[in-house]
PDB file of N, CA and C in Angstrom:
ATOM      1  N   MET A   1     120.924  11.041 237.347  1.00  0.00           N
ATOM      2  CA  MET A   1     121.408   9.740 236.935  1.00  0.00           C
ATOM      3  C   MET A   1     122.927   9.795 236.889  1.00  0.00           C
ATOM      4  N   ALA A   2     123.531   8.706 237.313  1.00  0.00           N
ATOM      5  CA  ALA A   2     124.977   8.549 237.258  1.00  0.00           C
ATOM      6  C   ALA A   2     125.259   7.112 236.848  1.00  0.00           C
ATOM      7  N   ALA A   3     126.505   6.798 236.547  1.00  0.00           N
ATOM      8  CA  ALA A   3     126.829   5.443 236.111  1.00  0.00           C
ATOM      9  C   ALA A   3     128.225   5.058 236.564  1.00  0.00           C
ATOM     10  N   LYS A   4     128.413   3.747 236.701  1.00  0.00           N
ATOM     11  CA  LYS A   4     129.716   3.179 237.002  1.00  0.00           C
ATOM     12  C   LYS A   4     129.960   2.045 236.022  1.00  0.00           C
ATOM     13  N   ILE A   5     131.208   1.922 235.581  1.00  0.00           N
ATOM     14  CA  ILE A   5     131.579   0.839 234.670  1.00  0.00           C
ATOM     15  C   ILE A   5     132.847   0.176 235.169  1.00  0.00           C
ATOM     16  N   LYS A   6     132.999  -1.085 234.806  1.00  0.00           N
ATOM     17  CA  LYS A   6     134.237  -1.799 235.110  1.00  0.00           C
ATOM     18  C   LYS A   6     134.652  -2.547 233.850  1.00  0.00           C
ATOM     19  N   VAL A   7     135.788  -2.129 233.310  1.00  0.00           N
ATOM     20  CA  VAL A   7     136.341  -2.697 232.075  1.00  0.00           C
ATOM     21  C   VAL A   7     137.819  -2.958 232.327  1.00  0.00           C
ATOM     22  N   PRO A   8     138.337  -4.134 231.960  1.00  0.00           N
ATOM     23  CA  PRO A   8     139.778  -4.356 232.116  1.00  0.00           C
ATOM     24  C   PRO A   8     140.566  -3.316 231.306  1.00  0.00           C
ATOM     25  N   GLU A   9     141.704  -2.908 231.820  1.00  0.00           N
ATOM     26  CA  GLU A   9     142.526  -1.946 231.086  1.00  0.00           C
ATOM     27  C   GLU A   9     143.202  -2.590 229.884  1.00  0.00           C
ATOM     28  N   ARG A  10     143.564  -3.886 230.028  1.00  0.00           N
ATOM     29  CA  ARG A  10     144.292  -4.591 228.982  1.00  0.00           C
ATOM     30  C   ARG A  10     143.700  -5.978 228.773  1.00  0.00           C
ATOM     31  N   ALA A  11     143.872  -6.472 227.558  1.00  0.00           N
ATOM     32  CA  ALA A  11     143.474  -7.841 227.230  1.00  0.00           C
ATOM     33  C   ALA A  11     144.316  -8.304 226.053  1.00  0.00           C
ATOM     34  N   LYS A  12     144.457  -9.615 225.932  1.00  0.00           N
ATOM     35  CA  LYS A  12     145.147 -10.178 224.779  1.00  0.00           C
ATOM     36  C   LYS A  12     144.153 -10.325 223.632  1.00  0.00           C
ATOM     37  N   ARG A  13     144.636 -10.154 222.414  1.00  0.00           N
ATOM     38  CA  ARG A  13     143.784 -10.276 221.236  1.00  0.00           C
ATOM     39  C   ARG A  13     143.067 -11.631 221.269  1.00  0.00           C
ATOM     40  N   GLY A  14     141.753 -11.605 221.084  1.00  0.00           N
ATOM     41  CA  GLY A  14     140.952 -12.821 221.094  1.00  0.00           C
ATOM     42  C   GLY A  14     140.429 -13.209 222.467  1.00  0.00           C
ATOM     43  N   GLU A  15     140.926 -12.577 223.503  1.00  0.00           N
ATOM     44  CA  GLU A  15     140.485 -12.899 224.868  1.00  0.00           C
ATOM     45  C   GLU A  15     139.043 -12.418 225.090  1.00  0.00           C
ATOM     46  N   ILE A  16     138.283 -13.215 225.827  1.00  0.00           N
ATOM     47  CA  ILE A  16     136.930 -12.827 226.204  1.00  0.00           C
ATOM     48  C   ILE A  16     137.033 -12.080 227.537  1.00  0.00           C
ATOM     49  N   ILE A  17     136.534 -10.852 227.561  1.00  0.00           N
ATOM     50  CA  ILE A  17     136.615 -10.040 228.780  1.00  0.00           C
ATOM     51  C   ILE A  17     135.214  -9.794 229.341  1.00  0.00           C
ATOM     52  N   GLU A  18     135.177  -9.551 230.630  1.00  0.00           N
ATOM     53  CA  GLU A  18     133.910  -9.264 231.303  1.00  0.00           C
ATOM     54  C   GLU A  18     133.752  -7.761 231.480  1.00  0.00           C
ATOM     55  N   ILE A  19     132.566  -7.277 231.171  1.00  0.00           N
ATOM     56  CA  ILE A  19     132.217  -5.866 231.288  1.00  0.00           C
ATOM     57  C   ILE A  19     131.096  -5.757 232.318  1.00  0.00           C
ATOM     58  N   ARG A  20     131.193  -4.782 233.214  1.00  0.00           N
ATOM     59  CA  ARG A  20     130.145  -4.548 234.208  1.00  0.00           C
ATOM     60  C   ARG A  20     129.705  -3.086 234.118  1.00  0.00           C
ATOM     61  N   SER A  21     128.392  -2.876 234.213  1.00  0.00           N
ATOM     62  CA  SER A  21     127.879  -1.506 234.175  1.00  0.00           C
ATOM     63  C   SER A  21     126.715  -1.362 235.144  1.00  0.00           C
ATOM     64  N   LEU A  22     126.649  -0.203 235.765  1.00  0.00           N
ATOM     65  CA  LEU A  22     125.609   0.094 236.743  1.00  0.00           C
ATOM     66  C   LEU A  22     125.119   1.513 236.508  1.00  0.00           C
ATOM     67  N   ALA A  23     123.815   1.654 236.324  1.00  0.00           N
ATOM     68  CA  ALA A  23     123.197   2.982 236.248  1.00  0.00           C
ATOM     69  C   ALA A  23     122.610   3.284 237.615  1.00  0.00           C
ATOM     70  N   ILE A  24     122.951   4.413 238.165  1.00  0.00           N
ATOM     71  CA  ILE A  24     122.414   4.815 239.465  1.00  0.00           C
ATOM     72  C   ILE A  24     121.204   5.694 239.179  1.00  0.00           C
ATOM     73  N   HIS A  25     120.018   5.085 239.342  1.00  0.00           N
ATOM     74  CA  HIS A  25     118.770   5.733 238.935  1.00  0.00           C
ATOM     75  C   HIS A  25     117.628   5.134 239.752  1.00  0.00           C
ATOM     76  N   ILE A  26     116.685   5.954 240.172  1.00  0.00           N
ATOM     77  CA  ILE A  26     115.617   5.481 241.056  1.00  0.00           C
ATOM     78  C   ILE A  26     114.614   4.548 240.392  1.00  0.00           C
ATOM     79  N   MET A  27     114.413   4.646 239.076  1.00  0.00           N
ATOM     80  CA  MET A  27     113.510   3.783 238.331  1.00  0.00           C
ATOM     81  C   MET A  27     112.089   3.801 238.916  1.00  0.00           C
ATOM     82  N   GLU A  28     111.448   4.936 238.860  1.00  0.00           N
ATOM     83  CA  GLU A  28     110.067   5.070 239.336  1.00  0.00           C
ATOM     84  C   GLU A  28     109.118   4.513 238.282  1.00  0.00           C
ATOM     85  N   THR A  29     108.275   3.544 238.639  1.00  0.00           N
ATOM     86  CA  THR A  29     107.449   2.795 237.686  1.00  0.00           C
ATOM     87  C   THR A  29     106.253   3.561 237.132  1.00  0.00           C
ATOM     88  N   GLY A  30     105.746   4.533 237.869  1.00  0.00           N
ATOM     89  CA  GLY A  30     104.529   5.214 237.453  1.00  0.00           C
ATOM     90  C   GLY A  30     103.271   4.545 237.993  1.00  0.00           C
ATOM     91  N   PHE A  31     103.436   3.495 238.779  1.00  0.00           N
ATOM     92  CA  PHE A  31     102.304   2.774 239.367  1.00  0.00           C
ATOM     93  C   PHE A  31     102.144   3.067 240.860  1.00  0.00           C
ATOM     94  N   ARG A  32     103.142   3.668 241.467  1.00  0.00           N
ATOM     95  CA  ARG A  32     103.124   3.936 242.906  1.00  0.00           C
ATOM     96  C   ARG A  32     102.406   5.240 243.200  1.00  0.00           C
ATOM     97  N   HIS A  33     101.859   5.355 244.409  1.00  0.00           N
ATOM     98  CA  HIS A  33     101.201   6.593 244.855  1.00  0.00           C
ATOM     99  C   HIS A  33     102.025   7.237 245.959  1.00  0.00           C
ATOM    100  N   ASP A  34     101.987   8.569 246.035  1.00  0.00           N
ATOM    101  CA  ASP A  34     102.690   9.263 247.112  1.00  0.00           C
ATOM    102  C   ASP A  34     101.823   9.237 248.375  1.00  0.00           C
ATOM    103  N   ASN A  35     102.265   9.966 249.405  1.00  0.00           N
ATOM    104  CA  ASN A  35     101.578   9.925 250.705  1.00  0.00           C
ATOM    105  C   ASN A  35     100.207  10.599 250.705  1.00  0.00           C
ATOM    106  N   VAL A  36      99.841  11.300 249.639  1.00  0.00           N
ATOM    107  CA  VAL A  36      98.501  11.900 249.565  1.00  0.00           C
ATOM    108  C   VAL A  36      97.671  11.277 248.430  1.00  0.00           C
ATOM    109  N   GLY A  37      98.144  10.156 247.886  1.00  0.00           N
ATOM    110  CA  GLY A  37      97.363   9.421 246.913  1.00  0.00           C
ATOM    111  C   GLY A  37      97.594   9.754 245.451  1.00  0.00           C
ATOM    112  N   ARG A  38      98.499  10.686 245.156  1.00  0.00           N
ATOM    113  CA  ARG A  38      98.791  11.018 243.756  1.00  0.00           C
ATOM    114  C   ARG A  38      99.772   9.996 243.180  1.00  0.00           C
ATOM    115  N   ILE A  39      99.597   9.699 241.901  1.00  0.00           N
ATOM    116  CA  ILE A  39     100.526   8.785 241.237  1.00  0.00           C
ATOM    117  C   ILE A  39     101.876   9.481 241.068  1.00  0.00           C
ATOM    118  N   VAL A  40     102.922   8.782 241.456  1.00  0.00           N
ATOM    119  CA  VAL A  40     104.286   9.283 241.252  1.00  0.00           C
ATOM    120  C   VAL A  40     104.618   9.041 239.777  1.00  0.00           C
ATOM    121  N   PRO A  41     104.975  10.093 239.035  1.00  0.00           N
ATOM    122  CA  PRO A  41     105.219   9.939 237.589  1.00  0.00           C
ATOM    123  C   PRO A  41     106.325   8.935 237.275  1.00  0.00           C
ATOM    124  N   ARG A  42     106.124   8.237 236.196  1.00  0.00           N
ATOM    125  CA  ARG A  42     107.120   7.273 235.727  1.00  0.00           C
ATOM    126  C   ARG A  42     108.419   8.000 235.393  1.00  0.00           C
ATOM    127  N   HIS A  43     109.540   7.373 235.749  1.00  0.00           N
ATOM    128  CA  HIS A  43     110.863   7.896 235.415  1.00  0.00           C
ATOM    129  C   HIS A  43     111.827   6.717 235.460  1.00  0.00           C
ATOM    130  N   ILE A  44     112.105   6.145 234.290  1.00  0.00           N
ATOM    131  CA  ILE A  44     112.955   4.965 234.226  1.00  0.00           C
ATOM    132  C   ILE A  44     114.051   5.130 233.172  1.00  0.00           C
ATOM    133  N   VAL A  45     115.130   4.390 233.357  1.00  0.00           N
ATOM    134  CA  VAL A  45     116.108   4.218 232.286  1.00  0.00           C
ATOM    135  C   VAL A  45     115.436   3.272 231.312  1.00  0.00           C
ATOM    136  N   ASP A  46     115.279   3.689 230.066  1.00  0.00           N
ATOM    137  CA  ASP A  46     114.576   2.814 229.129  1.00  0.00           C
ATOM    138  C   ASP A  46     115.466   2.169 228.076  1.00  0.00           C
ATOM    139  N   THR A  47     116.687   2.675 227.888  1.00  0.00           N
ATOM    140  CA  THR A  47     117.608   1.999 226.974  1.00  0.00           C
ATOM    141  C   THR A  47     119.038   2.064 227.506  1.00  0.00           C
ATOM    142  N   PHE A  48     119.773   1.017 227.192  1.00  0.00           N
ATOM    143  CA  PHE A  48     121.193   0.950 227.509  1.00  0.00           C
ATOM    144  C   PHE A  48     121.888   0.351 226.297  1.00  0.00           C
ATOM    145  N   THR A  49     122.989   0.963 225.870  1.00  0.00           N
ATOM    146  CA  THR A  49     123.780   0.410 224.778  1.00  0.00           C
ATOM    147  C   THR A  49     125.263   0.469 225.127  1.00  0.00           C
ATOM    148  N   CYS A  50     125.990  -0.483 224.594  1.00  0.00           N
ATOM    149  CA  CYS A  50     127.446  -0.496 224.720  1.00  0.00           C
ATOM    150  C   CYS A  50     128.012  -0.684 223.328  1.00  0.00           C
ATOM    151  N   GLU A  51     128.946   0.188 222.964  1.00  0.00           N
ATOM    152  CA  GLU A  51     129.605   0.111 221.660  1.00  0.00           C
ATOM    153  C   GLU A  51     131.095  -0.108 221.859  1.00  0.00           C
ATOM    154  N   TYR A  52     131.646  -0.993 221.052  1.00  0.00           N
ATOM    155  CA  TYR A  52     133.082  -1.260 221.064  1.00  0.00           C
ATOM    156  C   TYR A  52     133.579  -1.036 219.642  1.00  0.00           C
ATOM    157  N   LEU A  53     134.530  -0.146 219.501  1.00  0.00           N
ATOM    158  CA  LEU A  53     135.082   0.214 218.198  1.00  0.00           C
ATOM    159  C   LEU A  53     133.995   0.675 217.240  1.00  0.00           C
ATOM    160  N   GLY A  54     133.001   1.395 217.771  1.00  0.00           N
ATOM    161  CA  GLY A  54     131.943   1.972 216.955  1.00  0.00           C
ATOM    162  C   GLY A  54     130.788   1.047 216.608  1.00  0.00           C
ATOM    163  N   LYS A  55     130.817  -0.208 217.079  1.00  0.00           N
ATOM    164  CA  LYS A  55     129.743  -1.157 216.796  1.00  0.00           C
ATOM    165  C   LYS A  55     129.033  -1.534 218.092  1.00  0.00           C
ATOM    166  N   THR A  56     127.719  -1.636 218.030  1.00  0.00           N
ATOM    167  CA  THR A  56     126.954  -2.039 219.205  1.00  0.00           C
ATOM    168  C   THR A  56     127.247  -3.503 219.515  1.00  0.00           C
ATOM    169  N   VAL A  57     127.680  -3.761 220.769  1.00  0.00           N
ATOM    170  CA  VAL A  57     127.982  -5.124 221.198  1.00  0.00           C
ATOM    171  C   VAL A  57     126.991  -5.614 222.256  1.00  0.00           C
ATOM    172  N   PHE A  58     126.231  -4.689 222.834  1.00  0.00           N
ATOM    173  CA  PHE A  58     125.209  -5.051 223.815  1.00  0.00           C
ATOM    174  C   PHE A  58     124.180  -3.931 223.838  1.00  0.00           C
ATOM    175  N   ALA A  59     122.899  -4.321 223.871  1.00  0.00           N
ATOM    176  CA  ALA A  59     121.830  -3.330 223.956  1.00  0.00           C
ATOM    177  C   ALA A  59     120.676  -3.926 224.748  1.00  0.00           C
ATOM    178  N   ALA A  60     119.980  -3.079 225.490  1.00  0.00           N
ATOM    179  CA  ALA A  60     118.832  -3.527 226.270  1.00  0.00           C
ATOM    180  C   ALA A  60     117.766  -2.446 226.272  1.00  0.00           C
ATOM    181  N   THR A  61     116.519  -2.898 226.205  1.00  0.00           N
ATOM    182  CA  THR A  61     115.373  -2.020 226.385  1.00  0.00           C
ATOM    183  C   THR A  61     114.778  -2.388 227.737  1.00  0.00           C
ATOM    184  N   LEU A  62     114.624  -1.397 228.616  1.00  0.00           N
ATOM    185  CA  LEU A  62     114.137  -1.651 229.963  1.00  0.00           C
ATOM    186  C   LEU A  62     112.690  -1.205 230.099  1.00  0.00           C
ATOM    187  N   HIS A  63     112.003  -1.789 231.057  1.00  0.00           N
ATOM    188  CA  HIS A  63     110.587  -1.522 231.295  1.00  0.00           C
ATOM    189  C   HIS A  63     110.371  -1.204 232.770  1.00  0.00           C
ATOM    190  N   PRO A  64     109.189  -0.717 233.166  1.00  0.00           N
ATOM    191  CA  PRO A  64     108.952  -0.315 234.551  1.00  0.00           C
ATOM    192  C   PRO A  64     109.212  -1.400 235.596  1.00  0.00           C
ATOM    193  N   ALA A  65     109.174  -2.661 235.239  1.00  0.00           N
ATOM    194  CA  ALA A  65     109.392  -3.724 236.214  1.00  0.00           C
ATOM    195  C   ALA A  65     110.864  -3.898 236.597  1.00  0.00           C
ATOM    196  N   VAL A  66     111.772  -3.225 235.917  1.00  0.00           N
ATOM    197  CA  VAL A  66     113.201  -3.334 236.233  1.00  0.00           C
ATOM    198  C   VAL A  66     113.481  -2.594 237.535  1.00  0.00           C
ATOM    199  N   ALA A  67     114.307  -3.199 238.375  1.00  0.00           N
ATOM    200  CA  ALA A  67     114.642  -2.611 239.667  1.00  0.00           C
ATOM    201  C   ALA A  67     115.450  -1.325 239.507  1.00  0.00           C
ATOM    202  N   ALA A  68     115.488  -0.560 240.581  1.00  0.00           N
ATOM    203  CA  ALA A  68     116.332   0.635 240.612  1.00  0.00           C
ATOM    204  C   ALA A  68     117.782   0.229 240.381  1.00  0.00           C
ATOM    205  N   ASN A  69     118.572   1.145 239.838  1.00  0.00           N
ATOM    206  CA  ASN A  69     120.001   0.939 239.611  1.00  0.00           C
ATOM    207  C   ASN A  69     120.286  -0.290 238.730  1.00  0.00           C
ATOM    208  N   PRO A  70     119.802  -0.292 237.493  1.00  0.00           N
ATOM    209  CA  PRO A  70     120.009  -1.449 236.621  1.00  0.00           C
ATOM    210  C   PRO A  70     121.494  -1.789 236.452  1.00  0.00           C
ATOM    211  N   TYR A  71     121.789  -3.082 236.570  1.00  0.00           N
ATOM    212  CA  TYR A  71     123.153  -3.600 236.549  1.00  0.00           C
ATOM    213  C   TYR A  71     123.255  -4.650 235.450  1.00  0.00           C
ATOM    214  N   PHE A  72     124.237  -4.503 234.569  1.00  0.00           N
ATOM    215  CA  PHE A  72     124.446  -5.459 233.492  1.00  0.00           C
ATOM    216  C   PHE A  72     125.867  -5.989 233.543  1.00  0.00           C
ATOM    217  N   VAL A  73     125.998  -7.288 233.317  1.00  0.00           N
ATOM    218  CA  VAL A  73     127.294  -7.941 233.158  1.00  0.00           C
ATOM    219  C   VAL A  73     127.226  -8.694 231.838  1.00  0.00           C
ATOM    220  N   PHE A  74     128.210  -8.478 230.984  1.00  0.00           N
ATOM    221  CA  PHE A  74     128.247  -9.169 229.705  1.00  0.00           C
ATOM    222  C   PHE A  74     129.699  -9.329 229.285  1.00  0.00           C
ATOM    223  N   HIS A  75     129.912 -10.076 228.220  1.00  0.00           N
ATOM    224  CA  HIS A  75     131.266 -10.389 227.765  1.00  0.00           C
ATOM    225  C   HIS A  75     131.440  -9.964 226.308  1.00  0.00           C
ATOM    226  N   LEU A  76     132.691  -9.658 225.971  1.00  0.00           N
ATOM    227  CA  LEU A  76     133.013  -9.387 224.576  1.00  0.00           C
ATOM    228  C   LEU A  76     134.429  -9.864 224.290  1.00  0.00           C
ATOM    229  N   ARG A  77     134.682 -10.089 223.014  1.00  0.00           N
ATOM    230  CA  ARG A  77     136.006 -10.548 222.575  1.00  0.00           C
ATOM    231  C   ARG A  77     136.858  -9.330 222.240  1.00  0.00           C
ATOM    232  N   ALA A  78     138.028  -9.254 222.843  1.00  0.00           N
ATOM    233  CA  ALA A  78     138.965  -8.155 222.586  1.00  0.00           C
ATOM    234  C   ALA A  78     139.596  -8.365 221.212  1.00  0.00           C
ATOM    235  N   GLU A  79     139.317  -7.473 220.281  1.00  0.00           N
ATOM    236  CA  GLU A  79     139.847  -7.594 218.923  1.00  0.00           C
ATOM    237  C   GLU A  79     141.020  -6.657 218.683  1.00  0.00           C
ATOM    238  N   ARG A  80     140.842  -5.398 219.088  1.00  0.00           N
ATOM    239  CA  ARG A  80     141.925  -4.425 218.943  1.00  0.00           C
ATOM    240  C   ARG A  80     141.713  -3.296 219.935  1.00  0.00           C
ATOM    241  N   SER A  81     142.743  -2.509 220.134  1.00  0.00           N
ATOM    242  CA  SER A  81     142.669  -1.402 221.099  1.00  0.00           C
ATOM    243  C   SER A  81     141.650  -0.380 220.633  1.00  0.00           C
ATOM    244  N   GLY A  82     140.939   0.192 221.589  1.00  0.00           N
ATOM    245  CA  GLY A  82     139.982   1.224 221.234  1.00  0.00           C
ATOM    246  C   GLY A  82     139.018   1.532 222.355  1.00  0.00           C
ATOM    247  N   GLU A  83     138.059   2.360 222.008  1.00  0.00           N
ATOM    248  CA  GLU A  83     137.099   2.865 222.985  1.00  0.00           C
ATOM    249  C   GLU A  83     135.892   1.938 223.136  1.00  0.00           C
ATOM    250  N   ILE A  84     135.455   1.815 224.382  1.00  0.00           N
ATOM    251  CA  ILE A  84     134.185   1.172 224.687  1.00  0.00           C
ATOM    252  C   ILE A  84     133.307   2.272 225.257  1.00  0.00           C
ATOM    253  N   ARG A  85     132.141   2.475 224.638  1.00  0.00           N
ATOM    254  CA  ARG A  85     131.261   3.570 225.060  1.00  0.00           C
ATOM    255  C   ARG A  85     129.929   2.995 225.554  1.00  0.00           C
ATOM    256  N   PHE A  86     129.499   3.491 226.688  1.00  0.00           N
ATOM    257  CA  PHE A  86     128.265   3.065 227.337  1.00  0.00           C
ATOM    258  C   PHE A  86     127.293   4.245 227.347  1.00  0.00           C
ATOM    259  N   THR A  87     126.038   4.003 226.979  1.00  0.00           N
ATOM    260  CA  THR A  87     125.042   5.072 226.965  1.00  0.00           C
ATOM    261  C   THR A  87     123.748   4.580 227.606  1.00  0.00           C
ATOM    262  N   TRP A  88     123.276   5.338 228.580  1.00  0.00           N
ATOM    263  CA  TRP A  88     121.990   5.082 229.229  1.00  0.00           C
ATOM    264  C   TRP A  88     121.087   6.261 228.914  1.00  0.00           C
ATOM    265  N   ARG A  89     119.822   5.986 228.579  1.00  0.00           N
ATOM    266  CA  ARG A  89     118.835   7.034 228.299  1.00  0.00           C
ATOM    267  C   ARG A  89     117.608   6.773 229.155  1.00  0.00           C
ATOM    268  N   ASP A  90     117.051   7.855 229.722  1.00  0.00           N
ATOM    269  CA  ASP A  90     115.814   7.674 230.468  1.00  0.00           C
ATOM    270  C   ASP A  90     114.641   8.268 229.713  1.00  0.00           C
ATOM    271  N   ASP A  91     113.453   7.999 230.205  1.00  0.00           N
ATOM    272  CA  ASP A  91     112.243   8.399 229.488  1.00  0.00           C
ATOM    273  C   ASP A  91     111.889   9.875 229.650  1.00  0.00           C
ATOM    274  N   LYS A  92     112.726  10.636 230.332  1.00  0.00           N
ATOM    275  CA  LYS A  92     112.516  12.081 230.440  1.00  0.00           C
ATOM    276  C   LYS A  92     113.586  12.853 229.663  1.00  0.00           C
ATOM    277  N   GLY A  93     114.338  12.132 228.826  1.00  0.00           N
ATOM    278  CA  GLY A  93     115.342  12.777 227.993  1.00  0.00           C
ATOM    279  C   GLY A  93     116.739  12.803 228.576  1.00  0.00           C
ATOM    280  N   GLY A  94     116.922  12.280 229.770  1.00  0.00           N
ATOM    281  CA  GLY A  94     118.245  12.240 230.376  1.00  0.00           C
ATOM    282  C   GLY A  94     119.152  11.234 229.677  1.00  0.00           C
ATOM    283  N   VAL A  95     120.395  11.627 229.477  1.00  0.00           N
ATOM    284  CA  VAL A  95     121.380  10.752 228.830  1.00  0.00           C
ATOM    285  C   VAL A  95     122.668  10.854 229.616  1.00  0.00           C
ATOM    286  N   ILE A  96     123.272   9.701 229.845  1.00  0.00           N
ATOM    287  CA  ILE A  96     124.615   9.700 230.428  1.00  0.00           C
ATOM    288  C   ILE A  96     125.475   8.751 229.606  1.00  0.00           C
ATOM    289  N   THR A  97     126.694   9.185 229.345  1.00  0.00           N
ATOM    290  CA  THR A  97     127.639   8.386 228.565  1.00  0.00           C
ATOM    291  C   THR A  97     128.932   8.253 229.350  1.00  0.00           C
ATOM    292  N   GLU A  98     129.434   7.042 229.403  1.00  0.00           N
ATOM    293  CA  GLU A  98     130.737   6.764 230.010  1.00  0.00           C
ATOM    294  C   GLU A  98     131.586   6.095 228.942  1.00  0.00           C
ATOM    295  N   ARG A  99     132.896   6.285 229.061  1.00  0.00           N
ATOM    296  CA  ARG A  99     133.832   5.700 228.103  1.00  0.00           C
ATOM    297  C   ARG A  99     134.976   5.028 228.836  1.00  0.00           C
ATOM    298  N   ALA A 100     135.510   3.985 228.214  1.00  0.00           N
ATOM    299  CA  ALA A 100     136.699   3.310 228.732  1.00  0.00           C
ATOM    300  C   ALA A 100     137.576   2.969 227.542  1.00  0.00           C
ATOM    301  N   HIS A 101     138.863   2.918 227.775  1.00  0.00           N
ATOM    302  CA  HIS A 101     139.789   2.519 226.710  1.00  0.00           C
ATOM    303  C   HIS A 101     140.300   1.117 227.035  1.00  0.00           C
ATOM    304  N   LEU A 102     140.249   0.244 226.049  1.00  0.00           N
ATOM    305  CA  LEU A 102     140.765  -1.103 226.178  1.00  0.00           C
ATOM    306  C   LEU A 102     142.025  -1.217 225.339  1.00  0.00           C
ATOM    307  N   GLU A 103     143.115  -1.585 225.979  1.00  0.00           N
ATOM    308  CA  GLU A 103     144.387  -1.792 225.282  1.00  0.00           C
ATOM    309  C   GLU A 103     144.513  -3.278 224.978  1.00  0.00           C
ATOM    310  N   VAL A 104     144.595  -3.623 223.690  1.00  0.00           N
ATOM    311  CA  VAL A 104     144.679  -5.017 223.270  1.00  0.00           C
ATOM    312  C   VAL A 104     146.093  -5.314 222.792  1.00  0.00           C
ATOM    313  N   THR A 105     146.668  -6.392 223.338  1.00  0.00           N
ATOM    314  CA  THR A 105     148.039  -6.785 222.973  1.00  0.00           C
ATOM    315  C   THR A 105     147.995  -8.117 222.238  1.00  0.00           C
ATOM    316  N   ASP A 106     149.057  -8.414 221.506  1.00  0.00           N
ATOM    317  CA  ASP A 106     149.144  -9.709 220.823  1.00  0.00           C
ATOM    318  C   ASP A 106     149.371 -10.808 221.867  1.00  0.00           C
ATOM    319  N   PRO A 107     148.788 -11.985 221.592  1.00  0.00           N
ATOM    320  CA  PRO A 107     148.917 -13.095 222.557  1.00  0.00           C
ATOM    321  C   PRO A 107     150.346 -13.547 222.761  1.00  0.00           C
TER     322      PRO A 107
END
């Protein structure tokens, strides 16, 4: 599993910014069969969270029907400079965390 994020480097205090995140993951549902008829084991990203300044600002629980490489776009209000942390967890114990720093300036 790997991930990509897009976060503006700077924003003015109070500005609404757009955040984009992509988990690169095959998202195997557990319903498919291989070429000899065996069920391919389930392997999905099952949770995604984004924290800004230590508080959760976006969270999602995913299920087998979600496509490969889950992509989220959401918005948040820039309050002050600090870290934005993204965490994806899969159902086999895999975890990936990405971080970005947002610099907030006075309007």
